[in-house]
Amino acid sequence: MPLCRFRVKPPQRVILETTIVASLIAVPNTHATAQRLAPSGAFVQVATGPRTDALMGGLIWEWQPKYAFGEGVLTGYWDLALGRWRSKVEGGGSESAWVSQLGITPVFRYRPSESSDLFLELGIGANLIAPVYRSERKSFSTVFNFGDHLAVGWKFGERRAHEVALRIQHFSNAGIRRPNPGENFLQLRYSWQLN
């Protein structure tokens, strides 16, 4: 039985294909690829949303190129996340529903200058959220969902090897199937370099 069954309508298909193509372009295609397969960092993250909380962890693979962007620097990384969501169930009183999340996201990061510890980031990626998410007030219709986020963060510590970020993230299926109420989270992330 497939994890998700859905028919993709033309506008959503374009979004899905664009995400896949952008993901493939960002994958390094050189001899150094083998060296880059090891993750460069890890993270833990707590999140809260309307009647739903989540705990996530994952790995980070930094992209090697850096680009001058105005006065600042544009970089990025791959984010592989595994999480658990807990929400109140409809008519369940004190009962909770648990779902698991697996996601991969290309993330673009901007720093105002090469030496800046402050950063802003933006990402949109693919997520499997199973079983289909349901809470007291919302019900997703698909296991496959997009997750997009905006974040502001700060690097600190020796070699700037640690960082904290405040993130706003939205999950929805981009209209692939109805209902598509989406879910929003306010997240606090701590990450550290592995090498």
C-alpha atoms as a PDB file:
ATOM      1  CA  MET A   1       0.000   0.000   0.000  1.00  0.00           C
ATOM      2  CA  PRO A   2       1.532   3.353  -0.998  1.00  0.00           C
ATOM      3  CA  LEU A   3       2.201   5.936   1.707  1.00  0.00           C
ATOM      4  CA  CYS A   4       0.137   8.532  -0.080  1.00  0.00           C
ATOM      5  CA  ARG A   5      -2.401   8.425  -2.858  1.00  0.00           C
ATOM      6  CA  PHE A   6      -3.262  11.622  -4.617  1.00  0.00           C
ATOM      7  CA  ARG A   7      -3.843  13.057  -8.034  1.00  0.00           C
ATOM      8  CA  VAL A   8      -1.694  16.051  -8.750  1.00  0.00           C
ATOM      9  CA  LYS A   9      -3.441  18.916 -10.517  1.00  0.00           C
ATOM     10  CA  PRO A  10      -1.396  20.942 -13.034  1.00  0.00           C
ATOM     11  CA  PRO A  11      -0.444  23.963 -10.797  1.00  0.00           C
ATOM     12  CA  GLN A  12       0.530  21.697  -7.915  1.00  0.00           C
ATOM     13  CA  ARG A  13       2.435  19.417 -10.275  1.00  0.00           C
ATOM     14  CA  VAL A  14       4.521  22.409 -11.353  1.00  0.00           C
ATOM     15  CA  ILE A  15       5.317  23.186  -7.690  1.00  0.00           C
ATOM     16  CA  LEU A  16       6.234  19.542  -7.041  1.00  0.00           C
ATOM     17  CA  GLU A  17       8.412  19.268 -10.167  1.00  0.00           C
ATOM     18  CA  THR A  18      10.132  22.593  -9.422  1.00  0.00           C
ATOM     19  CA  THR A  19      10.960  21.422  -5.888  1.00  0.00           C
ATOM     20  CA  ILE A  20      12.393  18.139  -7.202  1.00  0.00           C
ATOM     21  CA  VAL A  21      14.473  19.845  -9.929  1.00  0.00           C
ATOM     22  CA  ALA A  22      15.808  22.475  -7.491  1.00  0.00           C
ATOM     23  CA  SER A  23      16.739  19.686  -5.092  1.00  0.00           C
ATOM     24  CA  LEU A  24      18.642  17.771  -7.777  1.00  0.00           C
ATOM     25  CA  ILE A  25      20.502  20.884  -8.943  1.00  0.00           C
ATOM     26  CA  ALA A  26      21.708  21.561  -5.401  1.00  0.00           C
ATOM     27  CA  VAL A  27      23.251  18.081  -5.097  1.00  0.00           C
ATOM     28  CA  PRO A  28      27.008  18.321  -5.689  1.00  0.00           C
ATOM     29  CA  ASN A  29      28.112  16.340  -8.748  1.00  0.00           C
ATOM     30  CA  THR A  30      31.908  16.122  -8.345  1.00  0.00           C
ATOM     31  CA  HIS A  31      34.548  13.732  -7.027  1.00  0.00           C
ATOM     32  CA  ALA A  32      34.293  15.492  -3.659  1.00  0.00           C
ATOM     33  CA  THR A  33      30.695  14.230  -3.327  1.00  0.00           C
ATOM     34  CA  ALA A  34      31.817  11.214  -1.293  1.00  0.00           C
ATOM     35  CA  GLN A  35      33.469  13.518   1.250  1.00  0.00           C
ATOM     36  CA  ARG A  36      30.299  15.588   1.487  1.00  0.00           C
ATOM     37  CA  LEU A  37      28.018  12.661   2.257  1.00  0.00           C
ATOM     38  CA  ALA A  38      28.864  12.937   5.950  1.00  0.00           C
ATOM     39  CA  PRO A  39      26.575  15.460   7.661  1.00  0.00           C
ATOM     40  CA  SER A  40      28.165  18.731   8.729  1.00  0.00           C
ATOM     41  CA  GLY A  41      25.764  19.362  11.611  1.00  0.00           C
ATOM     42  CA  ALA A  42      22.865  18.174  13.726  1.00  0.00           C
ATOM     43  CA  PHE A  43      19.905  19.834  15.429  1.00  0.00           C
ATOM     44  CA  VAL A  44      17.132  19.453  17.964  1.00  0.00           C
ATOM     45  CA  GLN A  45      14.016  21.556  17.846  1.00  0.00           C
ATOM     46  CA  VAL A  46      10.864  22.121  19.860  1.00  0.00           C
ATOM     47  CA  ALA A  47       7.716  23.519  18.297  1.00  0.00           C
ATOM     48  CA  THR A  48       4.316  24.695  19.371  1.00  0.00           C
ATOM     49  CA  GLY A  49       1.220  25.449  17.345  1.00  0.00           C
ATOM     50  CA  PRO A  50      -2.497  25.833  17.925  1.00  0.00           C
ATOM     51  CA  ARG A  51      -3.330  22.737  20.022  1.00  0.00           C
ATOM     52  CA  THR A  52      -0.274  20.826  18.654  1.00  0.00           C
ATOM     53  CA  ASP A  53       3.297  20.450  19.908  1.00  0.00           C
ATOM     54  CA  ALA A  54       6.263  18.811  18.214  1.00  0.00           C
ATOM     55  CA  LEU A  55       9.779  17.618  18.938  1.00  0.00           C
ATOM     56  CA  MET A  56      12.208  17.167  16.059  1.00  0.00           C
ATOM     57  CA  GLY A  57      15.805  16.252  15.428  1.00  0.00           C
ATOM     58  CA  GLY A  58      17.884  15.891  12.344  1.00  0.00           C
ATOM     59  CA  LEU A  59      21.031  16.313  10.312  1.00  0.00           C
ATOM     60  CA  ILE A  60      22.421  19.135   8.188  1.00  0.00           C
ATOM     61  CA  TRP A  61      24.585  19.041   5.066  1.00  0.00           C
ATOM     62  CA  GLU A  62      26.042  22.501   4.315  1.00  0.00           C
ATOM     63  CA  TRP A  63      26.444  23.539   0.689  1.00  0.00           C
ATOM     64  CA  GLN A  64      29.984  24.440  -0.271  1.00  0.00           C
ATOM     65  CA  PRO A  65      29.452  27.469  -2.493  1.00  0.00           C
ATOM     66  CA  LYS A  66      29.006  30.910  -0.974  1.00  0.00           C
ATOM     67  CA  TYR A  67      27.651  33.766  -3.047  1.00  0.00           C
ATOM     68  CA  ALA A  68      27.995  37.506  -2.533  1.00  0.00           C
ATOM     69  CA  PHE A  69      24.504  38.937  -2.259  1.00  0.00           C
ATOM     70  CA  GLY A  70      24.487  42.694  -1.891  1.00  0.00           C
ATOM     71  CA  GLU A  71      26.598  43.462   1.178  1.00  0.00           C
ATOM     72  CA  GLY A  72      25.997  39.972   2.568  1.00  0.00           C
ATOM     73  CA  VAL A  73      26.607  36.307   1.868  1.00  0.00           C
ATOM     74  CA  LEU A  74      24.126  33.716   0.588  1.00  0.00           C
ATOM     75  CA  THR A  75      24.731  30.064   1.544  1.00  0.00           C
ATOM     76  CA  GLY A  76      22.550  27.077   2.194  1.00  0.00           C
ATOM     77  CA  TYR A  77      22.197  23.546   3.443  1.00  0.00           C
ATOM     78  CA  TRP A  78      20.121  20.381   3.262  1.00  0.00           C
ATOM     79  CA  ASP A  79      17.961  19.664   6.305  1.00  0.00           C
ATOM     80  CA  LEU A  80      16.834  16.083   7.015  1.00  0.00           C
ATOM     81  CA  ALA A  81      14.320  16.052   9.885  1.00  0.00           C
ATOM     82  CA  LEU A  82      12.521  13.388  11.891  1.00  0.00           C
ATOM     83  CA  GLY A  83       9.836  14.492  14.324  1.00  0.00           C
ATOM     84  CA  ARG A  84       6.828  13.597  16.421  1.00  0.00           C
ATOM     85  CA  TRP A  85       3.690  15.729  16.700  1.00  0.00           C
ATOM     86  CA  ARG A  86       1.181  15.531  19.538  1.00  0.00           C
ATOM     87  CA  SER A  87      -2.280  17.061  19.307  1.00  0.00           C
ATOM     88  CA  LYS A  88      -5.601  16.890  21.082  1.00  0.00           C
ATOM     89  CA  VAL A  89      -8.066  14.647  19.249  1.00  0.00           C
ATOM     90  CA  GLU A  90     -11.632  15.643  18.428  1.00  0.00           C
ATOM     91  CA  GLY A  91     -13.964  14.644  21.230  1.00  0.00           C
ATOM     92  CA  GLY A  92     -11.086  12.890  22.946  1.00  0.00           C
ATOM     93  CA  GLY A  93     -11.045  14.903  26.165  1.00  0.00           C
ATOM     94  CA  SER A  94      -7.510  14.431  27.440  1.00  0.00           C
ATOM     95  CA  GLU A  95      -6.537  11.955  24.695  1.00  0.00           C
ATOM     96  CA  SER A  96      -3.783  12.855  22.252  1.00  0.00           C
ATOM     97  CA  ALA A  97      -3.029  11.862  18.681  1.00  0.00           C
ATOM     98  CA  TRP A  98       0.570  11.230  17.651  1.00  0.00           C
ATOM     99  CA  VAL A  99       1.963  11.531  14.137  1.00  0.00           C
ATOM    100  CA  SER A 100       5.491  11.147  12.797  1.00  0.00           C
ATOM    101  CA  GLN A 101       7.179  13.497  10.359  1.00  0.00           C
ATOM    102  CA  LEU A 102      10.040  12.810   7.945  1.00  0.00           C
ATOM    103  CA  GLY A 103      11.184  15.730   5.827  1.00  0.00           C
ATOM    104  CA  ILE A 104      13.939  16.949   3.551  1.00  0.00           C
ATOM    105  CA  THR A 105      14.365  20.649   2.859  1.00  0.00           C
ATOM    106  CA  PRO A 106      16.810  22.755   0.860  1.00  0.00           C
ATOM    107  CA  VAL A 107      17.416  25.885   2.963  1.00  0.00           C
ATOM    108  CA  PHE A 108      18.835  29.224   1.809  1.00  0.00           C
ATOM    109  CA  ARG A 109      20.669  31.301   4.419  1.00  0.00           C
ATOM    110  CA  TYR A 110      21.609  34.987   4.259  1.00  0.00           C
ATOM    111  CA  ARG A 111      24.160  36.696   6.511  1.00  0.00           C
ATOM    112  CA  PRO A 112      24.504  40.525   6.373  1.00  0.00           C
ATOM    113  CA  SER A 113      28.304  40.127   6.113  1.00  0.00           C
ATOM    114  CA  GLU A 114      30.901  37.331   6.075  1.00  0.00           C
ATOM    115  CA  SER A 115      31.747  38.029   9.722  1.00  0.00           C
ATOM    116  CA  SER A 116      28.140  38.392  10.912  1.00  0.00           C
ATOM    117  CA  ASP A 117      26.817  35.982  13.536  1.00  0.00           C
ATOM    118  CA  LEU A 118      23.225  36.918  12.636  1.00  0.00           C
ATOM    119  CA  PHE A 119      21.449  35.014   9.841  1.00  0.00           C
ATOM    120  CA  LEU A 120      18.083  34.833   8.113  1.00  0.00           C
ATOM    121  CA  GLU A 121      16.863  31.746   6.317  1.00  0.00           C
ATOM    122  CA  LEU A 122      14.101  30.454   4.086  1.00  0.00           C
ATOM    123  CA  GLY A 123      13.293  26.883   3.070  1.00  0.00           C
ATOM    124  CA  ILE A 124      10.593  24.790   1.457  1.00  0.00           C
ATOM    125  CA  GLY A 125      10.730  21.022   1.386  1.00  0.00           C
ATOM    126  CA  ALA A 126       8.865  17.741   1.139  1.00  0.00           C
ATOM    127  CA  ASN A 127       7.460  15.981   4.217  1.00  0.00           C
ATOM    128  CA  LEU A 128       5.702  12.734   4.981  1.00  0.00           C
ATOM    129  CA  ILE A 129       3.416  13.120   7.995  1.00  0.00           C
ATOM    130  CA  ALA A 130       1.882   9.795   9.009  1.00  0.00           C
ATOM    131  CA  PRO A 131      -0.685   8.782   9.876  1.00  0.00           C
ATOM    132  CA  VAL A 132      -2.667  11.595   8.247  1.00  0.00           C
ATOM    133  CA  TYR A 133      -2.626  14.498  10.733  1.00  0.00           C
ATOM    134  CA  ARG A 134      -5.849  15.191  12.660  1.00  0.00           C
ATOM    135  CA  SER A 135      -6.423  17.472  15.614  1.00  0.00           C
ATOM    136  CA  GLU A 136      -9.472  18.806  17.447  1.00  0.00           C
ATOM    137  CA  ARG A 137     -10.047  21.450  14.784  1.00  0.00           C
ATOM    138  CA  LYS A 138      -8.096  20.345  11.701  1.00  0.00           C
ATOM    139  CA  SER A 139      -7.723  17.338   9.462  1.00  0.00           C
ATOM    140  CA  PHE A 140      -5.164  16.956   6.670  1.00  0.00           C
ATOM    141  CA  SER A 141      -6.149  14.906   3.627  1.00  0.00           C
ATOM    142  CA  THR A 142      -2.695  13.625   2.564  1.00  0.00           C
ATOM    143  CA  VAL A 143       0.416  12.091   4.105  1.00  0.00           C
ATOM    144  CA  PHE A 144       2.593  14.121   1.695  1.00  0.00           C
ATOM    145  CA  ASN A 145       2.879  17.794   2.646  1.00  0.00           C
ATOM    146  CA  PHE A 146       5.147  20.723   1.972  1.00  0.00           C
ATOM    147  CA  GLY A 147       6.871  22.469   4.866  1.00  0.00           C
ATOM    148  CA  ASP A 148       8.061  26.046   4.427  1.00  0.00           C
ATOM    149  CA  HIS A 149       9.802  28.159   7.026  1.00  0.00           C
ATOM    150  CA  LEU A 150      11.312  31.546   7.776  1.00  0.00           C
ATOM    151  CA  ALA A 151      13.924  31.892  10.512  1.00  0.00           C
ATOM    152  CA  VAL A 152      16.228  34.315  12.243  1.00  0.00           C
ATOM    153  CA  GLY A 153      19.197  32.964  14.150  1.00  0.00           C
ATOM    154  CA  TRP A 154      22.523  33.576  15.840  1.00  0.00           C
ATOM    155  CA  LYS A 155      25.852  31.688  15.589  1.00  0.00           C
ATOM    156  CA  PHE A 156      27.980  31.557  18.730  1.00  0.00           C
ATOM    157  CA  GLY A 157      30.718  29.698  20.579  1.00  0.00           C
ATOM    158  CA  GLU A 158      34.192  28.597  19.629  1.00  0.00           C
ATOM    159  CA  ARG A 159      34.547  28.658  15.817  1.00  0.00           C
ATOM    160  CA  ARG A 160      30.878  29.750  15.731  1.00  0.00           C
ATOM    161  CA  ALA A 161      30.044  26.040  15.874  1.00  0.00           C
ATOM    162  CA  HIS A 162      26.692  26.487  17.673  1.00  0.00           C
ATOM    163  CA  GLU A 163      23.536  28.324  16.727  1.00  0.00           C
ATOM    164  CA  VAL A 164      20.021  29.025  17.884  1.00  0.00           C
ATOM    165  CA  ALA A 165      17.174  29.999  15.590  1.00  0.00           C
ATOM    166  CA  LEU A 166      13.590  31.130  16.013  1.00  0.00           C
ATOM    167  CA  ARG A 167      11.509  29.741  13.163  1.00  0.00           C
ATOM    168  CA  ILE A 168       7.976  29.999  11.837  1.00  0.00           C
ATOM    169  CA  GLN A 169       6.960  26.939   9.823  1.00  0.00           C
ATOM    170  CA  HIS A 170       3.825  26.102   7.854  1.00  0.00           C
ATOM    171  CA  PHE A 171       2.828  22.608   6.689  1.00  0.00           C
ATOM    172  CA  SER A 172       0.186  21.952   4.008  1.00  0.00           C
ATOM    173  CA  ASN A 173      -0.302  19.979   0.821  1.00  0.00           C
ATOM    174  CA  ALA A 174      -0.460  23.096  -1.420  1.00  0.00           C
ATOM    175  CA  GLY A 175      -3.984  22.240  -2.536  1.00  0.00           C
ATOM    176  CA  ILE A 176      -3.217  18.736  -3.856  1.00  0.00           C
ATOM    177  CA  ARG A 177      -6.357  17.489  -2.105  1.00  0.00           C
ATOM    178  CA  ARG A 178      -9.049  19.023   0.100  1.00  0.00           C
ATOM    179  CA  PRO A 179      -9.316  19.669   2.974  1.00  0.00           C
ATOM    180  CA  ASN A 180      -6.035  21.512   3.204  1.00  0.00           C
ATOM    181  CA  PRO A 181      -6.192  23.525   6.447  1.00  0.00           C
ATOM    182  CA  GLY A 182      -2.428  23.566   7.030  1.00  0.00           C
ATOM    183  CA  GLU A 183      -0.729  23.822  10.401  1.00  0.00           C
ATOM    184  CA  ASN A 184       1.610  26.514  11.724  1.00  0.00           C
ATOM    185  CA  PHE A 185       4.362  26.178  14.294  1.00  0.00           C
ATOM    186  CA  LEU A 186       6.623  28.507  16.234  1.00  0.00           C
ATOM    187  CA  GLN A 187       9.926  26.637  16.624  1.00  0.00           C
ATOM    188  CA  LEU A 188      13.105  27.004  18.628  1.00  0.00           C
ATOM    189  CA  ARG A 189      16.113  25.186  17.144  1.00  0.00           C
ATOM    190  CA  TYR A 190      19.553  24.484  18.545  1.00  0.00           C
ATOM    191  CA  SER A 191      22.149  23.133  16.120  1.00  0.00           C
ATOM    192  CA  TRP A 192      25.846  22.336  16.267  1.00  0.00           C
ATOM    193  CA  GLN A 193      28.639  21.421  13.856  1.00  0.00           C
ATOM    194  CA  LEU A 194      29.768  17.809  13.735  1.00  0.00           C
ATOM    195  CA  ASN A 195      33.174  18.423  12.142  1.00  0.00           C
END
